[in-house]
Amino acid sequence: MKVNGKIFTENDPLRSLQSAKEKAAKSDKTGQGSVVGGGDKIAISSSVRQVDDLAAAAANTPEIRQAKVAEVKEKIASGNFKIDYDLLAERMLGVIKEMGGE
């Protein structure tokens, strides 16, 4: 996650998922389950594998959509950029509600 240009990786779920996947791969080549450390058993379900696939796809997706940025820059330069204030307000309120605000 980036906040003010800093990248935060503490408690990163993707990193935790990768670590669990690596431990499982080292312990059990079948993928059915494995014994790790003091006898704890872990099993990687197909759901976790799907999350891993999605995480890999997200990692390969650029954070900035260059084509969209170029399109907006062109519209601003030509004076054709229009702001839909109703849509903007609606989305801002949606974000506030997601964050637990009123």
PDB file of N, CA and C in Angstrom:
ATOM      1  N   MET A   1       0.848  -1.163   0.000  1.00  0.00           N
ATOM      2  CA  MET A   1       0.000   0.000   0.000  1.00  0.00           C
ATOM      3  C   MET A   1       0.892   1.224   0.000  1.00  0.00           C
ATOM      4  N   LYS A   2       0.531   2.251  -0.761  1.00  0.00           N
ATOM      5  CA  LYS A   2       1.293   3.483  -0.789  1.00  0.00           C
ATOM      6  C   LYS A   2       0.489   4.561  -0.084  1.00  0.00           C
ATOM      7  N   VAL A   3       1.133   5.264   0.818  1.00  0.00           N
ATOM      8  CA  VAL A   3       0.547   6.415   1.471  1.00  0.00           C
ATOM      9  C   VAL A   3       1.612   7.495   1.464  1.00  0.00           C
ATOM     10  N   ASN A   4       1.299   8.613   0.853  1.00  0.00           N
ATOM     11  CA  ASN A   4       2.253   9.713   0.763  1.00  0.00           C
ATOM     12  C   ASN A   4       3.601   9.266   0.216  1.00  0.00           C
ATOM     13  N   GLY A   5       3.577   8.406  -0.791  1.00  0.00           N
ATOM     14  CA  GLY A   5       4.790   7.971  -1.448  1.00  0.00           C
ATOM     15  C   GLY A   5       5.561   6.881  -0.736  1.00  0.00           C
ATOM     16  N   LYS A   6       5.126   6.478   0.471  1.00  0.00           N
ATOM     17  CA  LYS A   6       5.810   5.425   1.210  1.00  0.00           C
ATOM     18  C   LYS A   6       5.073   4.110   0.992  1.00  0.00           C
ATOM     19  N   ILE A   7       5.824   3.036   0.873  1.00  0.00           N
ATOM     20  CA  ILE A   7       5.228   1.720   0.673  1.00  0.00           C
ATOM     21  C   ILE A   7       5.213   1.002   2.012  1.00  0.00           C
ATOM     22  N   PHE A   8       4.018   0.546   2.429  1.00  0.00           N
ATOM     23  CA  PHE A   8       3.874  -0.169   3.685  1.00  0.00           C
ATOM     24  C   PHE A   8       3.698  -1.652   3.388  1.00  0.00           C
ATOM     25  N   THR A   9       4.565  -2.467   3.958  1.00  0.00           N
ATOM     26  CA  THR A   9       4.482  -3.908   3.738  1.00  0.00           C
ATOM     27  C   THR A   9       4.224  -4.651   5.033  1.00  0.00           C
ATOM     28  N   GLU A  10       4.139  -3.940   6.153  1.00  0.00           N
ATOM     29  CA  GLU A  10       3.877  -4.582   7.436  1.00  0.00           C
ATOM     30  C   GLU A  10       2.493  -5.208   7.401  1.00  0.00           C
ATOM     31  N   ASN A  11       2.374  -6.429   7.864  1.00  0.00           N
ATOM     32  CA  ASN A  11       1.106  -7.163   7.869  1.00  0.00           C
ATOM     33  C   ASN A  11       0.528  -7.295   6.464  1.00  0.00           C
ATOM     34  N   ASP A  12       1.378  -7.442   5.494  1.00  0.00           N
ATOM     35  CA  ASP A  12       0.967  -7.551   4.097  1.00  0.00           C
ATOM     36  C   ASP A  12       0.368  -8.937   3.849  1.00  0.00           C
ATOM     37  N   PRO A  13      -0.935  -9.035   3.530  1.00  0.00           N
ATOM     38  CA  PRO A  13      -1.546 -10.347   3.331  1.00  0.00           C
ATOM     39  C   PRO A  13      -0.954 -11.109   2.155  1.00  0.00           C
ATOM     40  N   LEU A  14      -0.525 -10.422   1.113  1.00  0.00           N
ATOM     41  CA  LEU A  14       0.074 -11.107  -0.024  1.00  0.00           C
ATOM     42  C   LEU A  14       1.402 -11.732   0.369  1.00  0.00           C
ATOM     43  N   ARG A  15       2.170 -11.023   1.179  1.00  0.00           N
ATOM     44  CA  ARG A  15       3.450 -11.547   1.645  1.00  0.00           C
ATOM     45  C   ARG A  15       3.216 -12.755   2.550  1.00  0.00           C
ATOM     46  N   SER A  16       2.202 -12.683   3.426  1.00  0.00           N
ATOM     47  CA  SER A  16       1.873 -13.802   4.312  1.00  0.00           C
ATOM     48  C   SER A  16       1.433 -15.014   3.508  1.00  0.00           C
ATOM     49  N   LEU A  17       0.636 -14.774   2.488  1.00  0.00           N
ATOM     50  CA  LEU A  17       0.159 -15.855   1.636  1.00  0.00           C
ATOM     51  C   LEU A  17       1.331 -16.519   0.920  1.00  0.00           C
ATOM     52  N   GLN A  18       2.242 -15.706   0.412  1.00  0.00           N
ATOM     53  CA  GLN A  18       3.411 -16.245  -0.285  1.00  0.00           C
ATOM     54  C   GLN A  18       4.263 -17.070   0.666  1.00  0.00           C
ATOM     55  N   SER A  19       4.441 -16.590   1.878  1.00  0.00           N
ATOM     56  CA  SER A  19       5.239 -17.313   2.871  1.00  0.00           C
ATOM     57  C   SER A  19       4.613 -18.667   3.188  1.00  0.00           C
ATOM     58  N   ALA A  20       3.292 -18.691   3.388  1.00  0.00           N
ATOM     59  CA  ALA A  20       2.599 -19.951   3.677  1.00  0.00           C
ATOM     60  C   ALA A  20       2.717 -20.910   2.494  1.00  0.00           C
ATOM     61  N   LYS A  21       2.618 -20.360   1.291  1.00  0.00           N
ATOM     62  CA  LYS A  21       2.718 -21.189   0.093  1.00  0.00           C
ATOM     63  C   LYS A  21       4.109 -21.800  -0.025  1.00  0.00           C
ATOM     64  N   GLU A  22       5.128 -21.002   0.251  1.00  0.00           N
ATOM     65  CA  GLU A  22       6.505 -21.500   0.166  1.00  0.00           C
ATOM     66  C   GLU A  22       6.752 -22.595   1.205  1.00  0.00           C
ATOM     67  N   LYS A  23       6.258 -22.406   2.430  1.00  0.00           N
ATOM     68  CA  LYS A  23       6.426 -23.415   3.472  1.00  0.00           C
ATOM     69  C   LYS A  23       5.744 -24.721   3.080  1.00  0.00           C
ATOM     70  N   ALA A  24       4.542 -24.600   2.520  1.00  0.00           N
ATOM     71  CA  ALA A  24       3.807 -25.796   2.116  1.00  0.00           C
ATOM     72  C   ALA A  24       4.512 -26.513   0.973  1.00  0.00           C
ATOM     73  N   ALA A  25       5.057 -25.755   0.042  1.00  0.00           N
ATOM     74  CA  ALA A  25       5.742 -26.360  -1.103  1.00  0.00           C
ATOM     75  C   ALA A  25       6.991 -27.109  -0.658  1.00  0.00           C
ATOM     76  N   LYS A  26       7.697 -26.571   0.335  1.00  0.00           N
ATOM     77  CA  LYS A  26       8.902 -27.222   0.826  1.00  0.00           C
ATOM     78  C   LYS A  26       8.566 -28.497   1.596  1.00  0.00           C
ATOM     79  N   SER A  27       7.437 -28.475   2.315  1.00  0.00           N
ATOM     80  CA  SER A  27       7.099 -29.594   3.195  1.00  0.00           C
ATOM     81  C   SER A  27       6.371 -30.723   2.487  1.00  0.00           C
ATOM     82  N   ASP A  28       5.580 -30.373   1.481  1.00  0.00           N
ATOM     83  CA  ASP A  28       4.759 -31.407   0.859  1.00  0.00           C
ATOM     84  C   ASP A  28       4.568 -31.100  -0.612  1.00  0.00           C
ATOM     85  N   LYS A  29       5.135 -31.885  -1.463  1.00  0.00           N
ATOM     86  CA  LYS A  29       5.053 -31.654  -2.905  1.00  0.00           C
ATOM     87  C   LYS A  29       3.683 -32.017  -3.475  1.00  0.00           C
ATOM     88  N   THR A  30       2.829 -32.710  -2.719  1.00  0.00           N
ATOM     89  CA  THR A  30       1.525 -33.119  -3.243  1.00  0.00           C
ATOM     90  C   THR A  30       0.499 -32.008  -3.160  1.00  0.00           C
ATOM     91  N   GLY A  31       0.683 -31.047  -2.252  1.00  0.00           N
ATOM     92  CA  GLY A  31      -0.280 -29.958  -2.122  1.00  0.00           C
ATOM     93  C   GLY A  31      -1.499 -30.323  -1.310  1.00  0.00           C
ATOM     94  N   GLN A  32      -1.561 -31.540  -0.765  1.00  0.00           N
ATOM     95  CA  GLN A  32      -2.733 -31.956  -0.001  1.00  0.00           C
ATOM     96  C   GLN A  32      -2.694 -31.439   1.432  1.00  0.00           C
ATOM     97  N   GLY A  33      -1.529 -31.328   1.986  1.00  0.00           N
ATOM     98  CA  GLY A  33      -1.373 -30.871   3.359  1.00  0.00           C
ATOM     99  C   GLY A  33       0.032 -31.193   3.784  1.00  0.00           C
ATOM    100  N   SER A  34       0.475 -30.562   4.864  1.00  0.00           N
ATOM    101  CA  SER A  34       1.836 -30.825   5.278  1.00  0.00           C
ATOM    102  C   SER A  34       1.990 -30.573   6.760  1.00  0.00           C
ATOM    103  N   VAL A  35       3.020 -31.169   7.328  1.00  0.00           N
ATOM    104  CA  VAL A  35       3.340 -30.949   8.721  1.00  0.00           C
ATOM    105  C   VAL A  35       4.474 -29.948   8.757  1.00  0.00           C
ATOM    106  N   VAL A  36       4.282 -28.886   9.556  1.00  0.00           N
ATOM    107  CA  VAL A  36       5.255 -27.808   9.623  1.00  0.00           C
ATOM    108  C   VAL A  36       5.651 -27.617  11.074  1.00  0.00           C
ATOM    109  N   GLY A  37       6.918 -27.410  11.318  1.00  0.00           N
ATOM    110  CA  GLY A  37       7.385 -27.063  12.652  1.00  0.00           C
ATOM    111  C   GLY A  37       7.060 -28.131  13.673  1.00  0.00           C
ATOM    112  N   GLY A  38       6.324 -27.752  14.733  1.00  0.00           N
ATOM    113  CA  GLY A  38       6.031 -28.635  15.854  1.00  0.00           C
ATOM    114  C   GLY A  38       4.866 -29.547  15.618  1.00  0.00           C
ATOM    115  N   GLY A  39       4.603 -29.971  14.416  1.00  0.00           N
ATOM    116  CA  GLY A  39       3.547 -30.928  14.154  1.00  0.00           C
ATOM    117  C   GLY A  39       2.240 -30.302  13.709  1.00  0.00           C
ATOM    118  N   ASP A  40       2.223 -29.004  13.478  1.00  0.00           N
ATOM    119  CA  ASP A  40       1.014 -28.367  12.973  1.00  0.00           C
ATOM    120  C   ASP A  40       0.804 -28.775  11.530  1.00  0.00           C
ATOM    121  N   LYS A  41      -0.455 -28.976  11.166  1.00  0.00           N
ATOM    122  CA  LYS A  41      -0.758 -29.369   9.794  1.00  0.00           C
ATOM    123  C   LYS A  41      -1.457 -28.211   9.095  1.00  0.00           C
ATOM    124  N   ILE A  42      -1.007 -27.931   7.889  1.00  0.00           N
ATOM    125  CA  ILE A  42      -1.657 -26.908   7.084  1.00  0.00           C
ATOM    126  C   ILE A  42      -2.108 -27.543   5.777  1.00  0.00           C
ATOM    127  N   ALA A  43      -3.191 -27.035   5.257  1.00  0.00           N
ATOM    128  CA  ALA A  43      -3.684 -27.496   3.959  1.00  0.00           C
ATOM    129  C   ALA A  43      -4.009 -26.255   3.133  1.00  0.00           C
ATOM    130  N   ILE A  44      -3.586 -26.272   1.903  1.00  0.00           N
ATOM    131  CA  ILE A  44      -3.859 -25.149   1.012  1.00  0.00           C
ATOM    132  C   ILE A  44      -5.016 -25.557   0.110  1.00  0.00           C
ATOM    133  N   SER A  45      -6.112 -24.872   0.282  1.00  0.00           N
ATOM    134  CA  SER A  45      -7.312 -25.199  -0.493  1.00  0.00           C
ATOM    135  C   SER A  45      -7.247 -24.552  -1.868  1.00  0.00           C
ATOM    136  N   SER A  46      -8.197 -24.921  -2.689  1.00  0.00           N
ATOM    137  CA  SER A  46      -8.253 -24.329  -4.027  1.00  0.00           C
ATOM    138  C   SER A  46      -8.577 -22.839  -3.940  1.00  0.00           C
ATOM    139  N   SER A  47      -9.280 -22.433  -2.882  1.00  0.00           N
ATOM    140  CA  SER A  47      -9.584 -21.008  -2.707  1.00  0.00           C
ATOM    141  C   SER A  47      -8.313 -20.208  -2.499  1.00  0.00           C
ATOM    142  N   VAL A  48      -7.403 -20.753  -1.691  1.00  0.00           N
ATOM    143  CA  VAL A  48      -6.135 -20.069  -1.459  1.00  0.00           C
ATOM    144  C   VAL A  48      -5.327 -20.018  -2.751  1.00  0.00           C
ATOM    145  N   ARG A  49      -5.385 -21.079  -3.505  1.00  0.00           N
ATOM    146  CA  ARG A  49      -4.671 -21.083  -4.788  1.00  0.00           C
ATOM    147  C   ARG A  49      -5.256 -20.031  -5.728  1.00  0.00           C
ATOM    148  N   GLN A  50      -6.579 -19.860  -5.699  1.00  0.00           N
ATOM    149  CA  GLN A  50      -7.207 -18.835  -6.532  1.00  0.00           C
ATOM    150  C   GLN A  50      -6.771 -17.448  -6.082  1.00  0.00           C
ATOM    151  N   VAL A  51      -6.711 -17.231  -4.765  1.00  0.00           N
ATOM    152  CA  VAL A  51      -6.258 -15.948  -4.244  1.00  0.00           C
ATOM    153  C   VAL A  51      -4.822 -15.694  -4.687  1.00  0.00           C
ATOM    154  N   ASP A  52      -4.010 -16.734  -4.651  1.00  0.00           N
ATOM    155  CA  ASP A  52      -2.621 -16.607  -5.089  1.00  0.00           C
ATOM    156  C   ASP A  52      -2.554 -16.216  -6.562  1.00  0.00           C
ATOM    157  N   ASP A  53      -3.383 -16.836  -7.385  1.00  0.00           N
ATOM    158  CA  ASP A  53      -3.424 -16.500  -8.812  1.00  0.00           C
ATOM    159  C   ASP A  53      -3.868 -15.052  -9.019  1.00  0.00           C
ATOM    160  N   LEU A  54      -4.882 -14.628  -8.262  1.00  0.00           N
ATOM    161  CA  LEU A  54      -5.365 -13.245  -8.365  1.00  0.00           C
ATOM    162  C   LEU A  54      -4.304 -12.256  -7.893  1.00  0.00           C
ATOM    163  N   ALA A  55      -3.592 -12.626  -6.835  1.00  0.00           N
ATOM    164  CA  ALA A  55      -2.529 -11.755  -6.331  1.00  0.00           C
ATOM    165  C   ALA A  55      -1.436 -11.605  -7.380  1.00  0.00           C
ATOM    166  N   ALA A  56      -1.101 -12.691  -8.047  1.00  0.00           N
ATOM    167  CA  ALA A  56      -0.085 -12.621  -9.093  1.00  0.00           C
ATOM    168  C   ALA A  56      -0.556 -11.736 -10.249  1.00  0.00           C
ATOM    169  N   ALA A  57      -1.824 -11.862 -10.607  1.00  0.00           N
ATOM    170  CA  ALA A  57      -2.369 -11.030 -11.678  1.00  0.00           C
ATOM    171  C   ALA A  57      -2.353  -9.560 -11.272  1.00  0.00           C
ATOM    172  N   ALA A  58      -2.708  -9.277 -10.009  1.00  0.00           N
ATOM    173  CA  ALA A  58      -2.700  -7.895  -9.524  1.00  0.00           C
ATOM    174  C   ALA A  58      -1.283  -7.336  -9.502  1.00  0.00           C
ATOM    175  N   ALA A  59      -0.323  -8.167  -9.143  1.00  0.00           N
ATOM    176  CA  ALA A  59       1.072  -7.718  -9.105  1.00  0.00           C
ATOM    177  C   ALA A  59       1.582  -7.362 -10.493  1.00  0.00           C
ATOM    178  N   ASN A  60       1.022  -7.985 -11.519  1.00  0.00           N
ATOM    179  CA  ASN A  60       1.449  -7.721 -12.892  1.00  0.00           C
ATOM    180  C   ASN A  60       0.658  -6.600 -13.555  1.00  0.00           C
ATOM    181  N   THR A  61      -0.290  -6.017 -12.829  1.00  0.00           N
ATOM    182  CA  THR A  61      -1.098  -4.928 -13.354  1.00  0.00           C
ATOM    183  C   THR A  61      -0.496  -3.608 -12.890  1.00  0.00           C
ATOM    184  N   PRO A  62      -0.243  -2.694 -13.810  1.00  0.00           N
ATOM    185  CA  PRO A  62       0.360  -1.425 -13.398  1.00  0.00           C
ATOM    186  C   PRO A  62      -0.584  -0.617 -12.509  1.00  0.00           C
ATOM    187  N   GLU A  63       0.009   0.127 -11.543  1.00  0.00           N
ATOM    188  CA  GLU A  63      -0.797   0.951 -10.648  1.00  0.00           C
ATOM    189  C   GLU A  63      -1.442   2.107 -11.401  1.00  0.00           C
ATOM    190  N   ILE A  64      -0.743   2.625 -12.400  1.00  0.00           N
ATOM    191  CA  ILE A  64      -1.239   3.775 -13.151  1.00  0.00           C
ATOM    192  C   ILE A  64      -1.586   3.330 -14.559  1.00  0.00           C
ATOM    193  N   ARG A  65      -2.829   3.612 -14.954  1.00  0.00           N
ATOM    194  CA  ARG A  65      -3.252   3.272 -16.315  1.00  0.00           C
ATOM    195  C   ARG A  65      -2.805   4.402 -17.239  1.00  0.00           C
ATOM    196  N   GLN A  66      -1.678   4.198 -17.893  1.00  0.00           N
ATOM    197  CA  GLN A  66      -1.048   5.236 -18.703  1.00  0.00           C
ATOM    198  C   GLN A  66      -1.964   5.752 -19.819  1.00  0.00           C
ATOM    199  N   ALA A  67      -2.736   4.858 -20.434  1.00  0.00           N
ATOM    200  CA  ALA A  67      -3.628   5.286 -21.520  1.00  0.00           C
ATOM    201  C   ALA A  67      -4.703   6.236 -20.986  1.00  0.00           C
ATOM    202  N   LYS A  68      -5.236   5.923 -19.796  1.00  0.00           N
ATOM    203  CA  LYS A  68      -6.270   6.771 -19.193  1.00  0.00           C
ATOM    204  C   LYS A  68      -5.685   8.129 -18.812  1.00  0.00           C
ATOM    205  N   VAL A  69      -4.477   8.135 -18.269  1.00  0.00           N
ATOM    206  CA  VAL A  69      -3.814   9.389 -17.901  1.00  0.00           C
ATOM    207  C   VAL A  69      -3.598  10.247 -19.143  1.00  0.00           C
ATOM    208  N   ALA A  70      -3.138   9.645 -20.217  1.00  0.00           N
ATOM    209  CA  ALA A  70      -2.903  10.385 -21.460  1.00  0.00           C
ATOM    210  C   ALA A  70      -4.213  10.965 -22.001  1.00  0.00           C
ATOM    211  N   GLU A  71      -5.286  10.178 -21.914  1.00  0.00           N
ATOM    212  CA  GLU A  71      -6.594  10.641 -22.388  1.00  0.00           C
ATOM    213  C   GLU A  71      -7.072  11.854 -21.590  1.00  0.00           C
ATOM    214  N   VAL A  72      -6.943  11.803 -20.279  1.00  0.00           N
ATOM    215  CA  VAL A  72      -7.379  12.917 -19.431  1.00  0.00           C
ATOM    216  C   VAL A  72      -6.517  14.146 -19.685  1.00  0.00           C
ATOM    217  N   LYS A  73      -5.197  13.957 -19.817  1.00  0.00           N
ATOM    218  CA  LYS A  73      -4.311  15.089 -20.110  1.00  0.00           C
ATOM    219  C   LYS A  73      -4.696  15.771 -21.412  1.00  0.00           C
ATOM    220  N   GLU A  74      -5.023  14.959 -22.407  1.00  0.00           N
ATOM    221  CA  GLU A  74      -5.411  15.509 -23.709  1.00  0.00           C
ATOM    222  C   GLU A  74      -6.703  16.321 -23.591  1.00  0.00           C
ATOM    223  N   LYS A  75      -7.678  15.794 -22.857  1.00  0.00           N
ATOM    224  CA  LYS A  75      -8.949  16.506 -22.677  1.00  0.00           C
ATOM    225  C   LYS A  75      -8.743  17.814 -21.919  1.00  0.00           C
ATOM    226  N   ILE A  76      -7.877  17.786 -20.891  1.00  0.00           N
ATOM    227  CA  ILE A  76      -7.615  19.012 -20.134  1.00  0.00           C
ATOM    228  C   ILE A  76      -6.943  20.041 -21.034  1.00  0.00           C
ATOM    229  N   ALA A  77      -5.949  19.615 -21.801  1.00  0.00           N
ATOM    230  CA  ALA A  77      -5.220  20.528 -22.685  1.00  0.00           C
ATOM    231  C   ALA A  77      -6.128  21.150 -23.741  1.00  0.00           C
ATOM    232  N   SER A  78      -7.093  20.382 -24.229  1.00  0.00           N
ATOM    233  CA  SER A  78      -7.983  20.891 -25.273  1.00  0.00           C
ATOM    234  C   SER A  78      -9.198  21.625 -24.712  1.00  0.00           C
ATOM    235  N   GLY A  79      -9.337  21.612 -23.383  1.00  0.00           N
ATOM    236  CA  GLY A  79     -10.470  22.297 -22.757  1.00  0.00           C
ATOM    237  C   GLY A  79     -11.761  21.499 -22.793  1.00  0.00           C
ATOM    238  N   ASN A  80     -11.683  20.212 -23.068  1.00  0.00           N
ATOM    239  CA  ASN A  80     -12.873  19.373 -23.177  1.00  0.00           C
ATOM    240  C   ASN A  80     -13.094  18.454 -21.975  1.00  0.00           C
ATOM    241  N   PHE A  81     -12.353  18.673 -20.883  1.00  0.00           N
ATOM    242  CA  PHE A  81     -12.509  17.813 -19.714  1.00  0.00           C
ATOM    243  C   PHE A  81     -13.684  18.308 -18.896  1.00  0.00           C
ATOM    244  N   LYS A  82     -14.645  17.459 -18.690  1.00  0.00           N
ATOM    245  CA  LYS A  82     -15.849  17.801 -17.929  1.00  0.00           C
ATOM    246  C   LYS A  82     -15.871  16.984 -16.641  1.00  0.00           C
ATOM    247  N   ILE A  83     -16.204  17.632 -15.545  1.00  0.00           N
ATOM    248  CA  ILE A  83     -16.308  16.948 -14.266  1.00  0.00           C
ATOM    249  C   ILE A  83     -17.778  16.722 -13.955  1.00  0.00           C
ATOM    250  N   ASP A  84     -18.130  15.491 -13.667  1.00  0.00           N
ATOM    251  CA  ASP A  84     -19.490  15.145 -13.256  1.00  0.00           C
ATOM    252  C   ASP A  84     -19.528  15.256 -11.727  1.00  0.00           C
ATOM    253  N   TYR A  85     -19.931  16.426 -11.232  1.00  0.00           N
ATOM    254  CA  TYR A  85     -19.891  16.687  -9.797  1.00  0.00           C
ATOM    255  C   TYR A  85     -20.824  15.785  -9.004  1.00  0.00           C
ATOM    256  N   ASP A  86     -21.944  15.404  -9.576  1.00  0.00           N
ATOM    257  CA  ASP A  86     -22.855  14.491  -8.884  1.00  0.00           C
ATOM    258  C   ASP A  86     -22.208  13.120  -8.693  1.00  0.00           C
ATOM    259  N   LEU A  87     -21.571  12.624  -9.743  1.00  0.00           N
ATOM    260  CA  LEU A  87     -20.887  11.336  -9.656  1.00  0.00           C
ATOM    261  C   LEU A  87     -19.713  11.415  -8.682  1.00  0.00           C
ATOM    262  N   LEU A  88     -18.979  12.502  -8.730  1.00  0.00           N
ATOM    263  CA  LEU A  88     -17.857  12.696  -7.817  1.00  0.00           C
ATOM    264  C   LEU A  88     -18.330  12.666  -6.360  1.00  0.00           C
ATOM    265  N   ALA A  89     -19.398  13.404  -6.060  1.00  0.00           N
ATOM    266  CA  ALA A  89     -19.933  13.440  -4.699  1.00  0.00           C
ATOM    267  C   ALA A  89     -20.430  12.062  -4.268  1.00  0.00           C
ATOM    268  N   GLU A  90     -21.097  11.358  -5.179  1.00  0.00           N
ATOM    269  CA  GLU A  90     -21.615  10.022  -4.878  1.00  0.00           C
ATOM    270  C   GLU A  90     -20.479   9.062  -4.526  1.00  0.00           C
ATOM    271  N   ARG A  91     -19.415   9.102  -5.286  1.00  0.00           N
ATOM    272  CA  ARG A  91     -18.273   8.208  -5.028  1.00  0.00           C
ATOM    273  C   ARG A  91     -17.530   8.592  -3.753  1.00  0.00           C
ATOM    274  N   MET A  92     -17.421   9.883  -3.489  1.00  0.00           N
ATOM    275  CA  MET A  92     -16.773  10.312  -2.252  1.00  0.00           C
ATOM    276  C   MET A  92     -17.573   9.842  -1.041  1.00  0.00           C
ATOM    277  N   LEU A  93     -18.891   9.948  -1.107  1.00  0.00           N
ATOM    278  CA  LEU A  93     -19.737   9.469  -0.007  1.00  0.00           C
ATOM    279  C   LEU A  93     -19.622   7.957   0.143  1.00  0.00           C
ATOM    280  N   GLY A  94     -19.499   7.251  -0.977  1.00  0.00           N
ATOM    281  CA  GLY A  94     -19.336   5.801  -0.929  1.00  0.00           C
ATOM    282  C   GLY A  94     -18.058   5.412  -0.211  1.00  0.00           C
ATOM    283  N   VAL A  95     -16.983   6.133  -0.486  1.00  0.00           N
ATOM    284  CA  VAL A  95     -15.701   5.856   0.171  1.00  0.00           C
ATOM    285  C   VAL A  95     -15.817   6.137   1.671  1.00  0.00           C
ATOM    286  N   ILE A  96     -16.473   7.233   2.022  1.00  0.00           N
ATOM    287  CA  ILE A  96     -16.645   7.568   3.436  1.00  0.00           C
ATOM    288  C   ILE A  96     -17.446   6.487   4.142  1.00  0.00           C
ATOM    289  N   LYS A  97     -18.490   5.981   3.505  1.00  0.00           N
ATOM    290  CA  LYS A  97     -19.295   4.917   4.116  1.00  0.00           C
ATOM    291  C   LYS A  97     -18.488   3.648   4.266  1.00  0.00           C
ATOM    292  N   GLU A  98     -17.657   3.302   3.282  1.00  0.00           N
ATOM    293  CA  GLU A  98     -16.806   2.112   3.367  1.00  0.00           C
ATOM    294  C   GLU A  98     -15.823   2.208   4.517  1.00  0.00           C
ATOM    295  N   MET A  99     -15.394   3.420   4.816  1.00  0.00           N
ATOM    296  CA  MET A  99     -14.428   3.631   5.888  1.00  0.00           C
ATOM    297  C   MET A  99     -15.085   3.683   7.257  1.00  0.00           C
ATOM    298  N   GLY A 100     -16.406   3.518   7.280  1.00  0.00           N
ATOM    299  CA  GLY A 100     -17.121   3.495   8.554  1.00  0.00           C
ATOM    300  C   GLY A 100     -17.695   4.839   8.956  1.00  0.00           C
ATOM    301  N   GLY A 101     -17.660   5.807   8.074  1.00  0.00           N
ATOM    302  CA  GLY A 101     -18.228   7.110   8.358  1.00  0.00           C
ATOM    303  C   GLY A 101     -19.724   7.106   8.113  1.00  0.00           C
ATOM    304  N   GLU A 102     -20.321   8.215   8.397  1.00  0.00           N
ATOM    305  CA  GLU A 102     -21.778   8.308   8.215  1.00  0.00           C
ATOM    306  C   GLU A 102     -22.145   8.887   6.888  1.00  0.00           C
TER     307      GLU A 102
END
